[in-house]
N, C-alpha and C. Protein backbone atom coordinates (compact mmCIF):
# COMPACT_ATOMS: atom_id res chain seq x y z
N MET A 1 2.36 -4.90 -21.72
CA MET A 1 3.52 -4.19 -22.14
C MET A 1 3.37 -3.87 -23.61
N PRO A 2 3.66 -2.65 -23.98
CA PRO A 2 3.51 -2.26 -25.40
C PRO A 2 4.57 -2.92 -26.27
N ALA A 3 4.26 -2.96 -27.55
CA ALA A 3 5.23 -3.51 -28.53
C ALA A 3 6.44 -2.56 -28.63
N LYS A 4 7.56 -3.14 -28.96
CA LYS A 4 8.81 -2.39 -29.15
C LYS A 4 9.29 -2.66 -30.55
N THR A 5 9.81 -1.61 -31.22
CA THR A 5 10.29 -1.75 -32.57
C THR A 5 11.77 -1.28 -32.64
N VAL A 6 12.58 -2.08 -33.33
CA VAL A 6 13.98 -1.73 -33.55
C VAL A 6 14.18 -1.72 -35.07
N GLU A 7 14.75 -0.64 -35.57
CA GLU A 7 14.94 -0.53 -37.04
C GLU A 7 16.40 -0.74 -37.42
N HIS A 8 16.60 -1.06 -38.68
CA HIS A 8 17.92 -1.17 -39.28
C HIS A 8 18.75 -2.30 -38.63
N VAL A 9 18.11 -3.42 -38.40
CA VAL A 9 18.81 -4.58 -37.80
C VAL A 9 19.31 -5.46 -38.95
N LYS A 10 20.62 -5.70 -38.97
CA LYS A 10 21.18 -6.56 -40.00
C LYS A 10 20.82 -8.00 -39.72
N GLY A 11 20.53 -8.73 -40.77
CA GLY A 11 20.22 -10.14 -40.62
C GLY A 11 21.33 -10.91 -39.95
N SER A 12 22.55 -10.47 -40.18
CA SER A 12 23.70 -11.15 -39.55
C SER A 12 23.72 -11.00 -38.04
N GLU A 13 22.96 -10.06 -37.50
CA GLU A 13 22.85 -9.86 -36.05
C GLU A 13 21.85 -10.80 -35.41
N LEU A 14 21.03 -11.42 -36.22
CA LEU A 14 19.99 -12.32 -35.72
C LEU A 14 20.48 -13.76 -35.64
N PRO A 15 19.84 -14.55 -34.77
CA PRO A 15 20.23 -15.96 -34.69
C PRO A 15 20.01 -16.66 -36.03
N THR A 16 20.96 -17.48 -36.40
CA THR A 16 20.91 -18.20 -37.69
C THR A 16 19.63 -19.00 -37.82
N GLY A 17 19.23 -19.64 -36.75
CA GLY A 17 18.03 -20.48 -36.77
C GLY A 17 16.77 -19.64 -37.09
N LEU A 18 16.73 -18.44 -36.56
CA LEU A 18 15.58 -17.58 -36.83
C LEU A 18 15.58 -17.12 -38.29
N LEU A 19 16.76 -16.79 -38.80
CA LEU A 19 16.85 -16.41 -40.23
C LEU A 19 16.35 -17.53 -41.12
N GLU A 20 16.79 -18.74 -40.80
CA GLU A 20 16.39 -19.88 -41.59
C GLU A 20 14.90 -20.16 -41.49
N LYS A 21 14.37 -20.07 -40.29
CA LYS A 21 12.93 -20.28 -40.07
C LYS A 21 12.08 -19.28 -40.85
N LEU A 22 12.54 -18.02 -40.92
CA LEU A 22 11.79 -16.99 -41.60
C LEU A 22 12.12 -16.91 -43.09
N GLY A 23 13.19 -17.55 -43.49
CA GLY A 23 13.57 -17.52 -44.89
C GLY A 23 14.27 -16.24 -45.31
N PHE A 24 14.97 -15.59 -44.40
CA PHE A 24 15.66 -14.33 -44.69
C PHE A 24 17.15 -14.59 -44.83
N LEU A 25 17.84 -13.59 -45.41
CA LEU A 25 19.27 -13.71 -45.63
C LEU A 25 20.04 -12.81 -44.66
N PRO A 26 21.26 -13.20 -44.27
CA PRO A 26 22.04 -12.38 -43.35
C PRO A 26 22.39 -10.99 -43.88
N GLN A 27 22.43 -10.80 -45.19
CA GLN A 27 22.80 -9.47 -45.72
C GLN A 27 21.62 -8.51 -45.78
N GLU A 28 20.42 -8.98 -45.49
CA GLU A 28 19.24 -8.11 -45.50
C GLU A 28 19.17 -7.30 -44.19
N THR A 29 18.42 -6.16 -44.28
CA THR A 29 18.22 -5.33 -43.10
C THR A 29 16.71 -5.35 -42.77
N PHE A 30 16.43 -5.33 -41.45
CA PHE A 30 15.05 -5.54 -40.99
C PHE A 30 14.60 -4.49 -39.98
N ARG A 31 13.29 -4.33 -39.94
CA ARG A 31 12.62 -3.59 -38.86
C ARG A 31 11.95 -4.69 -38.05
N ILE A 32 12.29 -4.80 -36.79
CA ILE A 32 11.76 -5.86 -35.93
C ILE A 32 10.84 -5.25 -34.89
N THR A 33 9.63 -5.80 -34.82
CA THR A 33 8.67 -5.44 -33.79
C THR A 33 8.43 -6.62 -32.90
N VAL A 34 8.58 -6.38 -31.57
CA VAL A 34 8.37 -7.46 -30.62
C VAL A 34 7.17 -7.07 -29.75
N GLU A 35 6.20 -7.97 -29.69
CA GLU A 35 4.99 -7.70 -28.92
C GLU A 35 4.75 -8.87 -27.96
N PRO A 36 4.53 -8.59 -26.70
CA PRO A 36 4.29 -9.68 -25.74
C PRO A 36 3.10 -10.54 -26.14
N GLU A 37 3.21 -11.79 -25.89
CA GLU A 37 2.14 -12.72 -26.15
C GLU A 37 1.48 -13.08 -24.85
N TYR A 38 0.18 -12.90 -24.77
CA TYR A 38 -0.52 -13.19 -23.53
C TYR A 38 -1.40 -14.43 -23.72
N GLU A 39 -1.46 -15.23 -22.66
CA GLU A 39 -2.40 -16.36 -22.70
C GLU A 39 -3.79 -15.79 -22.37
N ASP A 40 -4.78 -16.24 -23.05
CA ASP A 40 -6.14 -15.77 -22.81
C ASP A 40 -6.75 -16.53 -21.67
N ASP A 41 -6.33 -16.15 -20.44
CA ASP A 41 -6.88 -16.81 -19.29
C ASP A 41 -7.89 -15.94 -18.52
N GLY A 42 -8.23 -14.80 -19.13
CA GLY A 42 -9.19 -13.90 -18.53
C GLY A 42 -8.62 -13.05 -17.42
N ASN A 43 -7.31 -13.17 -17.18
CA ASN A 43 -6.67 -12.41 -16.12
C ASN A 43 -5.72 -11.34 -16.60
N GLU A 44 -5.87 -10.95 -17.90
CA GLU A 44 -4.99 -9.92 -18.43
C GLU A 44 -5.25 -8.61 -17.68
N PHE A 45 -4.24 -7.82 -17.53
CA PHE A 45 -4.40 -6.52 -16.91
C PHE A 45 -3.85 -5.45 -17.81
N ASP A 46 -4.32 -4.26 -17.63
CA ASP A 46 -3.91 -3.16 -18.47
C ASP A 46 -2.53 -2.68 -18.01
N VAL A 47 -1.58 -2.72 -18.88
CA VAL A 47 -0.24 -2.27 -18.55
C VAL A 47 0.01 -0.94 -19.23
N ARG A 48 0.02 0.11 -18.44
CA ARG A 48 0.26 1.45 -18.98
C ARG A 48 1.44 2.08 -18.27
N PRO A 49 2.07 3.04 -18.91
CA PRO A 49 3.13 3.73 -18.23
C PRO A 49 2.58 4.43 -16.97
N PHE A 50 3.40 4.57 -15.99
CA PHE A 50 2.98 5.29 -14.78
C PHE A 50 2.73 6.72 -15.09
N ALA A 51 1.72 7.30 -14.44
CA ALA A 51 1.41 8.71 -14.61
C ALA A 51 2.58 9.55 -14.06
N PRO A 52 2.87 10.67 -14.71
CA PRO A 52 3.94 11.53 -14.23
C PRO A 52 3.78 11.98 -12.78
N GLU A 53 2.52 12.16 -12.37
CA GLU A 53 2.28 12.55 -10.96
C GLU A 53 2.74 11.47 -10.00
N PHE A 54 2.49 10.20 -10.40
CA PHE A 54 2.89 9.09 -9.54
C PHE A 54 4.41 9.02 -9.45
N LEU A 55 5.06 9.16 -10.59
CA LEU A 55 6.52 9.13 -10.58
C LEU A 55 7.13 10.24 -9.74
N GLU A 56 6.53 11.44 -9.84
CA GLU A 56 7.02 12.56 -9.01
C GLU A 56 6.79 12.28 -7.54
N ALA A 57 5.64 11.70 -7.17
CA ALA A 57 5.40 11.36 -5.77
C ALA A 57 6.39 10.32 -5.28
N MET A 58 6.74 9.35 -6.12
CA MET A 58 7.72 8.33 -5.73
C MET A 58 9.10 8.96 -5.54
N LYS A 59 9.43 9.93 -6.38
CA LYS A 59 10.72 10.63 -6.25
C LYS A 59 10.78 11.40 -4.93
N ARG A 60 9.68 12.10 -4.60
CA ARG A 60 9.66 12.85 -3.33
C ARG A 60 9.75 11.90 -2.15
N SER A 61 9.07 10.76 -2.26
CA SER A 61 9.10 9.79 -1.19
C SER A 61 10.52 9.25 -0.97
N GLU A 62 11.21 8.99 -2.04
CA GLU A 62 12.59 8.52 -1.93
C GLU A 62 13.48 9.56 -1.34
N GLU A 63 13.27 10.83 -1.72
CA GLU A 63 14.06 11.92 -1.14
C GLU A 63 13.78 12.06 0.35
N ASP A 64 12.51 11.93 0.72
CA ASP A 64 12.13 12.00 2.15
C ASP A 64 12.82 10.88 2.93
N ALA A 65 12.81 9.69 2.38
CA ALA A 65 13.43 8.58 3.06
C ALA A 65 14.92 8.78 3.25
N LYS A 66 15.59 9.31 2.21
CA LYS A 66 17.03 9.56 2.31
C LYS A 66 17.33 10.60 3.33
N ALA A 67 16.42 11.59 3.51
CA ALA A 67 16.60 12.68 4.45
C ALA A 67 16.14 12.30 5.86
N GLY A 68 15.62 11.08 6.02
CA GLY A 68 15.20 10.66 7.34
C GLY A 68 13.80 11.13 7.73
N ARG A 69 13.06 11.67 6.79
CA ARG A 69 11.69 12.15 7.05
C ARG A 69 10.70 11.02 6.81
N VAL A 70 10.81 9.97 7.62
CA VAL A 70 9.93 8.83 7.47
C VAL A 70 9.48 8.34 8.83
N THR A 71 8.42 7.57 8.86
CA THR A 71 7.97 6.92 10.09
C THR A 71 8.23 5.44 9.90
N LYS A 72 8.99 4.85 10.83
CA LYS A 72 9.31 3.45 10.75
C LYS A 72 8.47 2.67 11.70
N PHE A 73 8.08 1.47 11.30
CA PHE A 73 7.25 0.59 12.11
C PHE A 73 7.96 -0.73 12.29
N ASP A 74 7.78 -1.32 13.49
CA ASP A 74 8.43 -2.60 13.77
C ASP A 74 7.68 -3.78 13.11
N ASN A 75 6.39 -3.59 12.87
CA ASN A 75 5.61 -4.66 12.27
C ASN A 75 4.37 -4.07 11.59
N VAL A 76 3.70 -4.90 10.87
CA VAL A 76 2.51 -4.47 10.11
C VAL A 76 1.38 -4.03 11.03
N GLU A 77 1.27 -4.66 12.17
CA GLU A 77 0.20 -4.26 13.11
C GLU A 77 0.38 -2.81 13.56
N ASP A 78 1.63 -2.42 13.84
CA ASP A 78 1.90 -1.03 14.23
C ASP A 78 1.55 -0.06 13.10
N LEU A 79 1.87 -0.47 11.86
CA LEU A 79 1.51 0.36 10.72
C LEU A 79 0.03 0.54 10.64
N PHE A 80 -0.74 -0.55 10.73
CA PHE A 80 -2.21 -0.45 10.63
C PHE A 80 -2.77 0.39 11.76
N ALA A 81 -2.23 0.27 12.96
CA ALA A 81 -2.70 1.07 14.10
C ALA A 81 -2.45 2.55 13.83
N HIS A 82 -1.31 2.86 13.24
CA HIS A 82 -0.99 4.26 12.91
C HIS A 82 -1.93 4.78 11.84
N LEU A 83 -2.17 3.99 10.82
CA LEU A 83 -3.11 4.41 9.77
C LEU A 83 -4.52 4.60 10.30
N ASP A 84 -4.94 3.72 11.20
CA ASP A 84 -6.25 3.83 11.80
C ASP A 84 -6.34 5.14 12.62
N GLN A 85 -5.28 5.44 13.34
CA GLN A 85 -5.23 6.69 14.14
C GLN A 85 -5.36 7.90 13.24
N ILE A 86 -4.64 7.90 12.13
CA ILE A 86 -4.68 9.02 11.17
C ILE A 86 -6.13 9.15 10.61
N ALA A 87 -6.71 8.02 10.29
CA ALA A 87 -8.04 8.03 9.67
C ALA A 87 -9.09 8.62 10.62
N HIS A 88 -8.87 8.52 11.93
CA HIS A 88 -9.87 8.95 12.90
C HIS A 88 -9.42 10.21 13.67
N GLU A 89 -8.40 10.93 13.17
CA GLU A 89 -7.95 12.13 13.84
C GLU A 89 -9.03 13.23 13.90
N ASP A 90 -9.87 13.34 12.94
CA ASP A 90 -10.88 14.39 12.89
C ASP A 90 -12.18 14.00 13.60
N ASP A 91 -12.25 12.78 14.14
CA ASP A 91 -13.49 12.34 14.80
C ASP A 91 -13.65 13.02 16.18
């Protein structure tokens, strides 16, 4: 997740304990940047905003579902059988 920045934050809006820990005064104004902290376990993943094409496809999918243009399956086995059938239609 990318860092987020908030500007013009009054010290009086921050927790008193944080002000004391940082040595700041309530009457001061701050720019605060918050960045996620990750543990270095080797399993970090790239977090990027979704591509506009993906978001548009999701929107169309939601519209199709609302309009009833969907195929429903009773279980995952039926779904896989349907996908297998589609994959082999041109054979």
